[in-house]
Amino acid sequence: MTERSAAGLDAVSEILPHAERLPHTRTSLLLRRGFDALNGAISWLWVGLVAVVMLNVLLRYLFGEGRVEFEEIQWHLYSIGFLLGLSACLDADDHVRVDVLRERFGLRGQAWIELYGLLLLFFPFVALVLWYSVPFVEYAFSSGERSDAPGGLGMRWLIKAVIPLSMVLLAVAGWGRLTRVTACLFNAPTPVTREDRDVGQ
């Protein structure tokens, strides 16, 4: 990439929203559509969570009857929404960043930092959690693990299975992000222009 095009990228990055500074690729656009659909599905979990909380509060304070299974369903819905939402946040670059030096660099400098962060920190972390979470789920399934609370929910493996699933989705989102970083730094894969995106829609 020439100095002129790099300078142009830095200038454009100042006026675009943070999530759109890196160039898109065909892979990242395809994944963006998938994660947008996932986001839409996850949003209904929060509606369900609010309904369960309200029902639990009504039962407890109007009828004096607390239900352990409703309390556990609250935790499960929150956990599922949080774990599955991680990948959508990464794809949209809406996650929390604690940047001390990165914001002082131009777009290419930020892309280099993100490249090393993805390869040296992000993907090894995801692989490590995935590696240890699969036996965690297998043990819960084979032992028939259930809640220790009286009246609690059974099939604890179902909620634990969301952990490896979320790591797979996170790795996919990280791959899409990596293609955008390498498109910025090395022009590979080929970035998709705004005109191409408009035609694709």
N, C-alpha and C. Protein backbone atom coordinates (compact mmCIF):
# COMPACT_ATOMS: atom_id res chain seq x y z
N MET A 1 0.86 -1.20 0.00
CA MET A 1 0.00 0.00 0.00
C MET A 1 0.90 1.25 0.00
N THR A 2 0.61 2.21 -0.83
CA THR A 2 1.43 3.40 -0.95
C THR A 2 1.21 4.33 0.23
N GLU A 3 2.17 5.28 0.39
CA GLU A 3 2.03 6.26 1.48
C GLU A 3 0.79 7.11 1.29
N ARG A 4 0.50 7.42 0.03
CA ARG A 4 -0.66 8.27 -0.24
C ARG A 4 -1.97 7.58 0.15
N SER A 5 -2.09 6.28 -0.22
CA SER A 5 -3.31 5.56 0.13
C SER A 5 -3.40 5.34 1.62
N ALA A 6 -2.25 5.12 2.30
CA ALA A 6 -2.26 4.96 3.75
C ALA A 6 -2.71 6.24 4.43
N ALA A 7 -2.21 7.39 3.91
CA ALA A 7 -2.63 8.67 4.48
C ALA A 7 -4.11 8.91 4.24
N GLY A 8 -4.59 8.46 3.06
CA GLY A 8 -6.02 8.59 2.77
C GLY A 8 -6.87 7.77 3.73
N LEU A 9 -6.40 6.56 4.05
CA LEU A 9 -7.12 5.73 5.01
C LEU A 9 -7.18 6.40 6.38
N ASP A 10 -6.06 6.98 6.81
CA ASP A 10 -6.03 7.66 8.11
C ASP A 10 -7.00 8.84 8.12
N ALA A 11 -7.05 9.58 7.02
CA ALA A 11 -7.94 10.74 6.96
C ALA A 11 -9.40 10.31 7.00
N VAL A 12 -9.72 9.25 6.24
CA VAL A 12 -11.09 8.75 6.23
C VAL A 12 -11.47 8.21 7.60
N SER A 13 -10.50 7.58 8.30
CA SER A 13 -10.81 6.98 9.60
C SER A 13 -11.26 8.00 10.62
N GLU A 14 -10.86 9.24 10.44
CA GLU A 14 -11.25 10.26 11.41
C GLU A 14 -12.71 10.66 11.30
N ILE A 15 -13.33 10.45 10.13
CA ILE A 15 -14.71 10.89 9.97
C ILE A 15 -15.71 9.74 9.99
N LEU A 16 -15.22 8.49 9.91
CA LEU A 16 -16.13 7.35 9.96
C LEU A 16 -16.37 6.93 11.40
N PRO A 17 -17.51 6.28 11.67
CA PRO A 17 -17.72 5.70 12.99
C PRO A 17 -16.61 4.70 13.28
N HIS A 18 -16.30 4.51 14.56
CA HIS A 18 -15.17 3.66 14.95
C HIS A 18 -15.27 2.27 14.33
N ALA A 19 -16.48 1.69 14.30
CA ALA A 19 -16.65 0.32 13.82
C ALA A 19 -16.39 0.19 12.32
N GLU A 20 -16.43 1.30 11.58
CA GLU A 20 -16.31 1.22 10.13
C GLU A 20 -14.98 1.75 9.62
N ARG A 21 -14.02 1.98 10.47
CA ARG A 21 -12.75 2.53 10.01
C ARG A 21 -11.95 1.53 9.18
N LEU A 22 -11.94 0.28 9.59
CA LEU A 22 -11.22 -0.73 8.82
C LEU A 22 -12.03 -1.07 7.57
N PRO A 23 -11.35 -1.35 6.46
CA PRO A 23 -12.09 -1.73 5.25
C PRO A 23 -12.77 -3.08 5.44
N HIS A 24 -13.91 -3.24 4.83
CA HIS A 24 -14.61 -4.52 4.87
C HIS A 24 -14.09 -5.45 3.79
N THR A 25 -14.30 -6.74 4.00
CA THR A 25 -14.01 -7.76 2.99
C THR A 25 -15.30 -8.54 2.74
N ARG A 26 -15.28 -9.38 1.72
CA ARG A 26 -16.48 -10.18 1.46
C ARG A 26 -16.81 -11.07 2.66
N THR A 27 -15.77 -11.61 3.27
CA THR A 27 -15.98 -12.45 4.46
C THR A 27 -16.59 -11.66 5.60
N SER A 28 -16.05 -10.48 5.87
CA SER A 28 -16.55 -9.69 7.00
C SER A 28 -17.99 -9.23 6.76
N LEU A 29 -18.33 -8.93 5.52
CA LEU A 29 -19.71 -8.51 5.23
C LEU A 29 -20.69 -9.67 5.38
N LEU A 30 -20.26 -10.85 4.94
CA LEU A 30 -21.11 -12.03 5.10
C LEU A 30 -21.32 -12.33 6.59
N LEU A 31 -20.24 -12.26 7.35
CA LEU A 31 -20.36 -12.51 8.79
C LEU A 31 -21.17 -11.43 9.48
N ARG A 32 -21.05 -10.19 9.01
CA ARG A 32 -21.83 -9.10 9.60
C ARG A 32 -23.32 -9.38 9.49
N ARG A 33 -23.75 -9.88 8.33
CA ARG A 33 -25.18 -10.21 8.17
C ARG A 33 -25.59 -11.32 9.13
N GLY A 34 -24.73 -12.32 9.29
CA GLY A 34 -25.02 -13.41 10.22
C GLY A 34 -25.11 -12.95 11.66
N PHE A 35 -24.16 -12.09 12.04
CA PHE A 35 -24.17 -11.61 13.43
C PHE A 35 -25.29 -10.61 13.69
N ASP A 36 -25.70 -9.89 12.66
CA ASP A 36 -26.89 -9.02 12.81
C ASP A 36 -28.13 -9.87 13.10
N ALA A 37 -28.25 -11.01 12.39
CA ALA A 37 -29.38 -11.91 12.64
C ALA A 37 -29.29 -12.51 14.04
N LEU A 38 -28.06 -12.86 14.46
CA LEU A 38 -27.87 -13.39 15.81
C LEU A 38 -28.26 -12.35 16.86
N ASN A 39 -27.86 -11.11 16.62
CA ASN A 39 -28.22 -10.03 17.54
C ASN A 39 -29.73 -9.90 17.68
N GLY A 40 -30.43 -10.00 16.55
CA GLY A 40 -31.89 -9.91 16.59
C GLY A 40 -32.50 -11.02 17.42
N ALA A 41 -31.95 -12.24 17.29
CA ALA A 41 -32.47 -13.37 18.07
C ALA A 41 -32.15 -13.20 19.55
N ILE A 42 -30.92 -12.76 19.85
CA ILE A 42 -30.53 -12.59 21.25
C ILE A 42 -31.36 -11.52 21.94
N SER A 43 -31.77 -10.50 21.19
CA SER A 43 -32.54 -9.41 21.81
C SER A 43 -33.83 -9.92 22.44
N TRP A 44 -34.39 -11.00 21.89
CA TRP A 44 -35.61 -11.57 22.48
C TRP A 44 -35.33 -12.24 23.81
N LEU A 45 -34.08 -12.67 24.03
CA LEU A 45 -33.74 -13.25 25.34
C LEU A 45 -33.94 -12.23 26.45
N TRP A 46 -33.62 -10.95 26.16
CA TRP A 46 -33.75 -9.92 27.20
C TRP A 46 -35.21 -9.66 27.51
N VAL A 47 -36.07 -9.77 26.50
CA VAL A 47 -37.51 -9.65 26.74
C VAL A 47 -37.97 -10.79 27.66
N GLY A 48 -37.51 -12.01 27.36
CA GLY A 48 -37.84 -13.15 28.20
C GLY A 48 -37.31 -13.00 29.61
N LEU A 49 -36.09 -12.48 29.72
CA LEU A 49 -35.48 -12.28 31.04
C LEU A 49 -36.30 -11.30 31.87
N VAL A 50 -36.71 -10.18 31.28
CA VAL A 50 -37.52 -9.19 31.99
C VAL A 50 -38.84 -9.81 32.43
N ALA A 51 -39.44 -10.62 31.56
CA ALA A 51 -40.72 -11.26 31.90
C ALA A 51 -40.56 -12.21 33.07
N VAL A 52 -39.48 -13.00 33.07
CA VAL A 52 -39.25 -13.95 34.17
C VAL A 52 -38.98 -13.20 35.48
N VAL A 53 -38.21 -12.12 35.42
CA VAL A 53 -37.93 -11.34 36.62
C VAL A 53 -39.22 -10.76 37.19
N MET A 54 -40.05 -10.19 36.32
CA MET A 54 -41.31 -9.61 36.78
C MET A 54 -42.22 -10.67 37.38
N LEU A 55 -42.29 -11.83 36.75
CA LEU A 55 -43.11 -12.92 37.27
C LEU A 55 -42.61 -13.37 38.63
N ASN A 56 -41.30 -13.49 38.77
CA ASN A 56 -40.70 -13.92 40.04
C ASN A 56 -40.98 -12.90 41.15
N VAL A 57 -40.88 -11.62 40.80
CA VAL A 57 -41.16 -10.57 41.79
C VAL A 57 -42.63 -10.61 42.22
N LEU A 58 -43.52 -10.76 41.26
CA LEU A 58 -44.96 -10.84 41.57
C LEU A 58 -45.27 -12.02 42.47
N LEU A 59 -44.70 -13.18 42.13
CA LEU A 59 -44.94 -14.37 42.94
C LEU A 59 -44.43 -14.20 44.36
N ARG A 60 -43.25 -13.58 44.48
CA ARG A 60 -42.64 -13.44 45.80
C ARG A 60 -43.36 -12.43 46.67
N TYR A 61 -43.69 -11.25 46.11
CA TYR A 61 -44.19 -10.16 46.95
C TYR A 61 -45.72 -10.08 46.99
N LEU A 62 -46.39 -10.63 46.00
CA LEU A 62 -47.86 -10.62 46.05
C LEU A 62 -48.42 -11.91 46.63
N PHE A 63 -47.74 -13.04 46.35
CA PHE A 63 -48.26 -14.32 46.79
C PHE A 63 -47.36 -15.01 47.80
N GLY A 64 -46.23 -14.38 48.12
CA GLY A 64 -45.34 -14.95 49.13
C GLY A 64 -44.75 -16.29 48.74
N GLU A 65 -44.57 -16.51 47.46
CA GLU A 65 -44.07 -17.80 46.98
C GLU A 65 -42.87 -17.58 46.07
N GLY A 66 -41.70 -17.92 46.55
CA GLY A 66 -40.49 -17.81 45.73
C GLY A 66 -40.26 -19.11 44.98
N ARG A 67 -39.86 -19.02 43.73
CA ARG A 67 -39.61 -20.21 42.91
C ARG A 67 -38.14 -20.24 42.51
N VAL A 68 -37.44 -21.28 42.98
CA VAL A 68 -36.02 -21.43 42.70
C VAL A 68 -35.77 -21.57 41.20
N GLU A 69 -36.65 -22.32 40.53
CA GLU A 69 -36.42 -22.54 39.10
C GLU A 69 -36.50 -21.25 38.30
N PHE A 70 -37.36 -20.31 38.74
CA PHE A 70 -37.43 -19.03 38.04
C PHE A 70 -36.16 -18.20 38.26
N GLU A 71 -35.61 -18.28 39.48
CA GLU A 71 -34.35 -17.58 39.74
C GLU A 71 -33.24 -18.13 38.88
N GLU A 72 -33.20 -19.46 38.73
CA GLU A 72 -32.15 -20.07 37.92
C GLU A 72 -32.34 -19.78 36.43
N ILE A 73 -33.59 -19.74 35.99
CA ILE A 73 -33.85 -19.38 34.59
C ILE A 73 -33.33 -17.97 34.31
N GLN A 74 -33.47 -17.05 35.28
CA GLN A 74 -32.93 -15.69 35.12
C GLN A 74 -31.43 -15.74 34.85
N TRP A 75 -30.72 -16.50 35.68
CA TRP A 75 -29.26 -16.59 35.51
C TRP A 75 -28.92 -17.20 34.16
N HIS A 76 -29.68 -18.23 33.77
CA HIS A 76 -29.40 -18.91 32.50
C HIS A 76 -29.62 -17.98 31.32
N LEU A 77 -30.73 -17.27 31.32
CA LEU A 77 -31.01 -16.36 30.21
C LEU A 77 -29.96 -15.26 30.13
N TYR A 78 -29.57 -14.72 31.27
CA TYR A 78 -28.54 -13.69 31.27
C TYR A 78 -27.22 -14.24 30.74
N SER A 79 -26.86 -15.44 31.19
CA SER A 79 -25.59 -16.06 30.75
C SER A 79 -25.59 -16.31 29.25
N ILE A 80 -26.71 -16.83 28.73
CA ILE A 80 -26.79 -17.11 27.30
C ILE A 80 -26.69 -15.81 26.50
N GLY A 81 -27.43 -14.79 26.92
CA GLY A 81 -27.39 -13.51 26.22
C GLY A 81 -26.00 -12.90 26.23
N PHE A 82 -25.33 -12.98 27.38
CA PHE A 82 -23.98 -12.40 27.49
C PHE A 82 -22.98 -13.17 26.64
N LEU A 83 -22.97 -14.50 26.77
CA LEU A 83 -21.97 -15.31 26.07
C LEU A 83 -22.15 -15.26 24.56
N LEU A 84 -23.39 -15.36 24.09
CA LEU A 84 -23.61 -15.32 22.64
C LEU A 84 -23.46 -13.91 22.08
N GLY A 85 -23.71 -12.92 22.92
CA GLY A 85 -23.58 -11.53 22.47
C GLY A 85 -22.14 -11.08 22.30
N LEU A 86 -21.19 -11.79 22.91
CA LEU A 86 -19.78 -11.41 22.80
C LEU A 86 -19.33 -11.35 21.34
N SER A 87 -19.70 -12.37 20.57
CA SER A 87 -19.25 -12.44 19.18
C SER A 87 -19.84 -11.31 18.35
N ALA A 88 -21.12 -10.99 18.59
CA ALA A 88 -21.75 -9.90 17.85
C ALA A 88 -21.10 -8.56 18.19
N CYS A 89 -20.73 -8.39 19.47
CA CYS A 89 -20.04 -7.15 19.88
C CYS A 89 -18.67 -7.03 19.22
N LEU A 90 -17.94 -8.14 19.17
CA LEU A 90 -16.63 -8.10 18.53
C LEU A 90 -16.76 -7.79 17.05
N ASP A 91 -17.72 -8.42 16.39
CA ASP A 91 -17.90 -8.19 14.96
C ASP A 91 -18.22 -6.72 14.67
N ALA A 92 -19.06 -6.11 15.51
CA ALA A 92 -19.44 -4.70 15.30
C ALA A 92 -18.43 -3.74 15.93
N ASP A 93 -17.41 -4.27 16.61
CA ASP A 93 -16.42 -3.45 17.32
C ASP A 93 -17.09 -2.54 18.34
N ASP A 94 -18.09 -3.08 19.02
CA ASP A 94 -18.80 -2.33 20.05
C ASP A 94 -18.41 -2.76 21.46
N HIS A 95 -17.36 -3.56 21.57
CA HIS A 95 -16.91 -4.00 22.89
C HIS A 95 -16.09 -2.90 23.56
N VAL A 96 -15.91 -3.03 24.85
CA VAL A 96 -15.17 -2.03 25.61
C VAL A 96 -13.68 -2.19 25.32
N ARG A 97 -13.04 -1.09 25.03
CA ARG A 97 -11.59 -1.09 24.85
C ARG A 97 -10.95 -0.22 25.93
N VAL A 98 -9.85 -0.70 26.47
CA VAL A 98 -9.08 0.11 27.42
C VAL A 98 -7.78 0.46 26.70
N ASP A 99 -7.81 1.55 25.97
CA ASP A 99 -6.67 1.93 25.13
C ASP A 99 -5.93 3.10 25.74
N VAL A 100 -4.65 2.91 25.94
CA VAL A 100 -3.81 4.00 26.43
C VAL A 100 -3.00 4.58 25.27
N LEU A 101 -2.42 3.71 24.48
CA LEU A 101 -1.56 4.16 23.38
C LEU A 101 -2.26 4.07 22.02
N ARG A 102 -3.14 3.08 21.82
CA ARG A 102 -3.69 2.80 20.51
C ARG A 102 -4.37 4.01 19.88
N GLU A 103 -5.11 4.76 20.66
CA GLU A 103 -5.86 5.89 20.10
C GLU A 103 -4.95 7.01 19.61
N ARG A 104 -3.68 6.97 19.98
CA ARG A 104 -2.74 8.01 19.53
C ARG A 104 -2.20 7.73 18.12
N PHE A 105 -2.44 6.49 17.63
CA PHE A 105 -1.92 6.11 16.32
C PHE A 105 -2.96 6.33 15.24
N GLY A 106 -2.48 6.38 13.99
CA GLY A 106 -3.39 6.43 12.84
C GLY A 106 -3.99 5.06 12.59
N LEU A 107 -4.76 4.95 11.53
CA LEU A 107 -5.48 3.71 11.24
C LEU A 107 -4.53 2.53 11.07
N ARG A 108 -3.45 2.71 10.32
CA ARG A 108 -2.53 1.58 10.11
C ARG A 108 -1.83 1.17 11.40
N GLY A 109 -1.47 2.12 12.22
CA GLY A 109 -0.88 1.80 13.51
C GLY A 109 -1.85 1.01 14.39
N GLN A 110 -3.11 1.43 14.39
CA GLN A 110 -4.13 0.71 15.15
C GLN A 110 -4.32 -0.70 14.59
N ALA A 111 -4.25 -0.81 13.26
CA ALA A 111 -4.43 -2.13 12.64
C ALA A 111 -3.29 -3.07 13.02
N TRP A 112 -2.06 -2.54 13.10
CA TRP A 112 -0.93 -3.39 13.52
C TRP A 112 -1.13 -3.88 14.96
N ILE A 113 -1.57 -2.98 15.83
CA ILE A 113 -1.81 -3.38 17.22
C ILE A 113 -2.90 -4.45 17.28
N GLU A 114 -3.95 -4.26 16.49
CA GLU A 114 -5.04 -5.23 16.50
C GLU A 114 -4.60 -6.57 15.93
N LEU A 115 -3.73 -6.54 14.91
CA LEU A 115 -3.22 -7.78 14.33
C LEU A 115 -2.50 -8.60 15.38
N TYR A 116 -1.56 -7.96 16.10
CA TYR A 116 -0.82 -8.68 17.13
C TYR A 116 -1.72 -9.09 18.28
N GLY A 117 -2.68 -8.25 18.62
CA GLY A 117 -3.62 -8.60 19.69
C GLY A 117 -4.45 -9.81 19.35
N LEU A 118 -4.93 -9.88 18.10
CA LEU A 118 -5.73 -11.03 17.68
C LEU A 118 -4.90 -12.31 17.65
N LEU A 119 -3.70 -12.23 17.06
CA LEU A 119 -2.90 -13.44 16.87
C LEU A 119 -2.24 -13.93 18.15
N LEU A 120 -1.78 -13.01 18.99
CA LEU A 120 -1.02 -13.41 20.18
C LEU A 120 -1.86 -13.52 21.45
N LEU A 121 -3.00 -12.84 21.50
CA LEU A 121 -3.80 -12.85 22.72
C LEU A 121 -5.20 -13.43 22.50
N PHE A 122 -5.92 -12.89 21.53
CA PHE A 122 -7.32 -13.26 21.35
C PHE A 122 -7.50 -14.73 20.96
N PHE A 123 -6.90 -15.16 19.86
CA PHE A 123 -7.10 -16.53 19.40
C PHE A 123 -6.55 -17.58 20.38
N PRO A 124 -5.38 -17.36 21.00
CA PRO A 124 -4.95 -18.32 22.03
C PRO A 124 -5.91 -18.40 23.22
N PHE A 125 -6.47 -17.25 23.64
CA PHE A 125 -7.44 -17.25 24.74
C PHE A 125 -8.67 -18.06 24.37
N VAL A 126 -9.21 -17.82 23.17
CA VAL A 126 -10.41 -18.53 22.72
C VAL A 126 -10.13 -20.04 22.65
N ALA A 127 -8.97 -20.41 22.11
CA ALA A 127 -8.61 -21.82 21.99
C ALA A 127 -8.49 -22.47 23.37
N LEU A 128 -7.92 -21.74 24.32
CA LEU A 128 -7.74 -22.27 25.68
C LEU A 128 -9.09 -22.51 26.36
N VAL A 129 -9.98 -21.54 26.27
CA VAL A 129 -11.30 -21.70 26.88
C VAL A 129 -12.07 -22.83 26.21
N LEU A 130 -11.97 -22.92 24.89
CA LEU A 130 -12.65 -23.99 24.15
C LEU A 130 -12.12 -25.35 24.56
N TRP A 131 -10.81 -25.44 24.68
CA TRP A 131 -10.16 -26.71 25.03
C TRP A 131 -10.64 -27.22 26.39
N TYR A 132 -10.75 -26.33 27.37
CA TYR A 132 -11.13 -26.75 28.72
C TYR A 132 -12.64 -26.82 28.92
N SER A 133 -13.42 -26.12 28.10
CA SER A 133 -14.87 -26.11 28.31
C SER A 133 -15.55 -27.36 27.77
N VAL A 134 -14.98 -27.99 26.75
CA VAL A 134 -15.62 -29.19 26.19
C VAL A 134 -15.66 -30.33 27.21
N PRO A 135 -14.56 -30.67 27.89
CA PRO A 135 -14.65 -31.71 28.94
C PRO A 135 -15.57 -31.29 30.09
N PHE A 136 -15.63 -30.00 30.36
CA PHE A 136 -16.51 -29.44 31.38
C PHE A 136 -17.97 -29.79 31.06
N VAL A 137 -18.36 -29.63 29.80
CA VAL A 137 -19.71 -29.95 29.35
C VAL A 137 -19.92 -31.47 29.33
N GLU A 138 -18.92 -32.21 28.85
CA GLU A 138 -19.04 -33.66 28.78
C GLU A 138 -19.26 -34.27 30.16
N TYR A 139 -18.54 -33.76 31.15
CA TYR A 139 -18.71 -34.28 32.52
C TYR A 139 -20.12 -33.98 33.04
N ALA A 140 -20.60 -32.75 32.79
CA ALA A 140 -21.94 -32.39 33.24
C ALA A 140 -22.99 -33.28 32.59
N PHE A 141 -22.78 -33.64 31.32
CA PHE A 141 -23.73 -34.49 30.60
C PHE A 141 -23.69 -35.93 31.12
N SER A 142 -22.47 -36.47 31.22
CA SER A 142 -22.32 -37.89 31.61
C SER A 142 -22.74 -38.12 33.06
N SER A 143 -22.56 -37.14 33.92
CA SER A 143 -22.92 -37.30 35.33
C SER A 143 -24.36 -36.91 35.62
N GLY A 144 -25.08 -36.41 34.60
CA GLY A 144 -26.46 -35.97 34.83
C GLY A 144 -26.53 -34.81 35.81
N GLU A 145 -25.55 -33.93 35.76
CA GLU A 145 -25.48 -32.83 36.72
C GLU A 145 -26.74 -31.98 36.69
N ARG A 146 -27.19 -31.60 37.87
CA ARG A 146 -28.35 -30.74 38.00
C ARG A 146 -28.09 -29.73 39.12
N SER A 147 -28.97 -28.81 39.30
CA SER A 147 -28.83 -27.81 40.35
C SER A 147 -28.84 -28.47 41.72
N ASP A 148 -28.02 -27.94 42.63
CA ASP A 148 -28.01 -28.43 44.01
C ASP A 148 -29.21 -27.93 44.81
N ALA A 149 -29.85 -26.88 44.32
CA ALA A 149 -30.98 -26.29 45.06
C ALA A 149 -32.22 -27.17 44.93
N PRO A 150 -32.97 -27.31 46.02
CA PRO A 150 -34.23 -28.05 45.93
C PRO A 150 -35.18 -27.37 44.93
N GLY A 151 -35.70 -28.15 44.00
CA GLY A 151 -36.58 -27.58 42.99
C GLY A 151 -35.84 -26.89 41.87
N GLY A 152 -34.49 -26.99 41.87
CA GLY A 152 -33.70 -26.34 40.83
C GLY A 152 -33.77 -27.07 39.50
N LEU A 153 -33.18 -26.49 38.50
CA LEU A 153 -33.26 -27.04 37.14
C LEU A 153 -32.30 -28.21 36.94
N GLY A 154 -32.71 -29.14 36.11
CA GLY A 154 -31.85 -30.25 35.73
C GLY A 154 -31.10 -29.93 34.45
N MET A 155 -30.47 -30.96 33.89
CA MET A 155 -29.73 -30.84 32.63
C MET A 155 -28.79 -29.62 32.62
N ARG A 156 -27.95 -29.55 33.63
CA ARG A 156 -27.02 -28.43 33.76
C ARG A 156 -26.08 -28.33 32.56
N TRP A 157 -25.89 -29.45 31.86
CA TRP A 157 -24.99 -29.46 30.70
C TRP A 157 -25.48 -28.52 29.60
N LEU A 158 -26.80 -28.30 29.53
CA LEU A 158 -27.33 -27.43 28.49
C LEU A 158 -26.78 -26.01 28.60
N ILE A 159 -26.80 -25.48 29.80
CA ILE A 159 -26.30 -24.11 29.99
C ILE A 159 -24.78 -24.07 29.86
N LYS A 160 -24.11 -25.13 30.31
CA LYS A 160 -22.65 -25.16 30.19
C LYS A 160 -22.21 -25.29 28.73
N ALA A 161 -23.05 -25.90 27.89
CA ALA A 161 -22.71 -26.06 26.47
C ALA A 161 -22.67 -24.74 25.74
N VAL A 162 -23.24 -23.70 26.32
CA VAL A 162 -23.20 -22.38 25.68
C VAL A 162 -21.77 -21.83 25.70
N ILE A 163 -20.96 -22.26 26.66
CA ILE A 163 -19.58 -21.74 26.74
C ILE A 163 -18.77 -22.11 25.50
N PRO A 164 -18.64 -23.41 25.14
CA PRO A 164 -17.89 -23.70 23.90
C PRO A 164 -18.56 -23.13 22.65
N LEU A 165 -19.90 -23.11 22.62
CA LEU A 165 -20.59 -22.53 21.47
C LEU A 165 -20.22 -21.06 21.32
N SER A 166 -20.19 -20.35 22.43
CA SER A 166 -19.85 -18.92 22.36
C SER A 166 -18.41 -18.71 21.93
N MET A 167 -17.50 -19.63 22.31
CA MET A 167 -16.11 -19.51 21.90
C MET A 167 -15.95 -19.75 20.40
N VAL A 168 -16.73 -20.69 19.86
CA VAL A 168 -16.69 -20.93 18.41
C VAL A 168 -17.17 -19.68 17.66
N LEU A 169 -18.28 -19.10 18.13
CA LEU A 169 -18.80 -17.88 17.50
C LEU A 169 -17.80 -16.73 17.64
N LEU A 170 -17.15 -16.67 18.80
CA LEU A 170 -16.16 -15.61 19.02
C LEU A 170 -14.97 -15.78 18.07
N ALA A 171 -14.55 -17.02 17.85
CA ALA A 171 -13.45 -17.27 16.91
C ALA A 171 -13.85 -16.87 15.50
N VAL A 172 -15.10 -17.16 15.11
CA VAL A 172 -15.59 -16.78 13.78
C VAL A 172 -15.60 -15.26 13.64
N ALA A 173 -16.09 -14.57 14.68
CA ALA A 173 -16.09 -13.10 14.65
C ALA A 173 -14.66 -12.56 14.59
N GLY A 174 -13.75 -13.20 15.32
CA GLY A 174 -12.35 -12.79 15.28
C GLY A 174 -11.73 -12.99 13.91
N TRP A 175 -12.13 -14.06 13.22
CA TRP A 175 -11.65 -14.31 11.86
C TRP A 175 -12.11 -13.19 10.93
N GLY A 176 -13.38 -12.82 11.04
CA GLY A 176 -13.89 -11.72 10.22
C GLY A 176 -13.14 -10.43 10.50
N ARG A 177 -12.86 -10.19 11.77
CA ARG A 177 -12.10 -8.98 12.14
C ARG A 177 -10.68 -9.04 11.58
N LEU A 178 -10.08 -10.23 11.62
CA LEU A 178 -8.72 -10.40 11.12
C LEU A 178 -8.65 -10.12 9.63
N THR A 179 -9.68 -10.53 8.87
CA THR A 179 -9.66 -10.25 7.43
C THR A 179 -9.70 -8.75 7.16
N ARG A 180 -10.39 -8.00 8.01
CA ARG A 180 -10.44 -6.55 7.83
C ARG A 180 -9.09 -5.91 8.16
N VAL A 181 -8.43 -6.44 9.19
CA VAL A 181 -7.11 -5.92 9.56
C VAL A 181 -6.09 -6.19 8.47
N THR A 182 -6.07 -7.42 7.95
CA THR A 182 -5.10 -7.74 6.90
C THR A 182 -5.43 -7.03 5.59
N ALA A 183 -6.72 -6.77 5.34
CA ALA A 183 -7.09 -5.99 4.15
C ALA A 183 -6.54 -4.58 4.25
N CYS A 184 -6.55 -4.03 5.45
CA CYS A 184 -6.02 -2.68 5.67
C CYS A 184 -4.50 -2.65 5.53
N LEU A 185 -3.83 -3.65 6.11
CA LEU A 185 -2.37 -3.64 6.15
C LEU A 185 -1.72 -4.17 4.88
N PHE A 186 -2.29 -5.24 4.31
CA PHE A 186 -1.63 -5.94 3.21
C PHE A 186 -2.47 -6.00 1.94
N ASN A 187 -3.67 -5.40 1.99
CA ASN A 187 -4.57 -5.41 0.84
C ASN A 187 -4.98 -6.84 0.46
N ALA A 188 -4.99 -7.73 1.46
CA ALA A 188 -5.39 -9.12 1.23
C ALA A 188 -6.14 -9.63 2.47
N PRO A 189 -7.35 -10.13 2.30
CA PRO A 189 -8.10 -10.20 1.05
C PRO A 189 -8.46 -8.81 0.54
N THR A 190 -8.86 -8.76 -0.70
CA THR A 190 -9.15 -7.47 -1.33
C THR A 190 -10.28 -6.75 -0.60
N PRO A 191 -10.05 -5.50 -0.20
CA PRO A 191 -11.13 -4.76 0.46
C PRO A 191 -12.33 -4.56 -0.47
N VAL A 192 -13.49 -4.52 0.13
CA VAL A 192 -14.72 -4.27 -0.63
C VAL A 192 -15.00 -2.78 -0.57
N THR A 193 -15.18 -2.17 -1.72
CA THR A 193 -15.45 -0.73 -1.75
C THR A 193 -16.90 -0.47 -1.36
N ARG A 194 -17.18 0.77 -1.04
CA ARG A 194 -18.55 1.15 -0.67
C ARG A 194 -19.50 0.90 -1.84
N GLU A 195 -19.01 1.12 -3.08
CA GLU A 195 -19.85 0.88 -4.26
C GLU A 195 -20.21 -0.61 -4.37
N ASP A 196 -19.21 -1.48 -4.12
CA ASP A 196 -19.48 -2.91 -4.16
C ASP A 196 -20.49 -3.31 -3.10
N ARG A 197 -20.37 -2.69 -1.92
CA ARG A 197 -21.30 -3.00 -0.84
C ARG A 197 -22.72 -2.58 -1.22
N ASP A 198 -22.84 -1.43 -1.85
CA ASP A 198 -24.17 -0.96 -2.24
C ASP A 198 -24.79 -1.88 -3.30
N VAL A 199 -23.94 -2.37 -4.24
CA VAL A 199 -24.44 -3.28 -5.28
C VAL A 199 -24.87 -4.60 -4.65
N GLY A 200 -24.07 -5.08 -3.67
CA GLY A 200 -24.38 -6.35 -3.01
C GLY A 200 -25.67 -6.30 -2.23
N GLN A 201 -26.05 -5.14 -1.74
CA GLN A 201 -27.28 -5.00 -0.99
C GLN A 201 -28.47 -4.92 -1.93
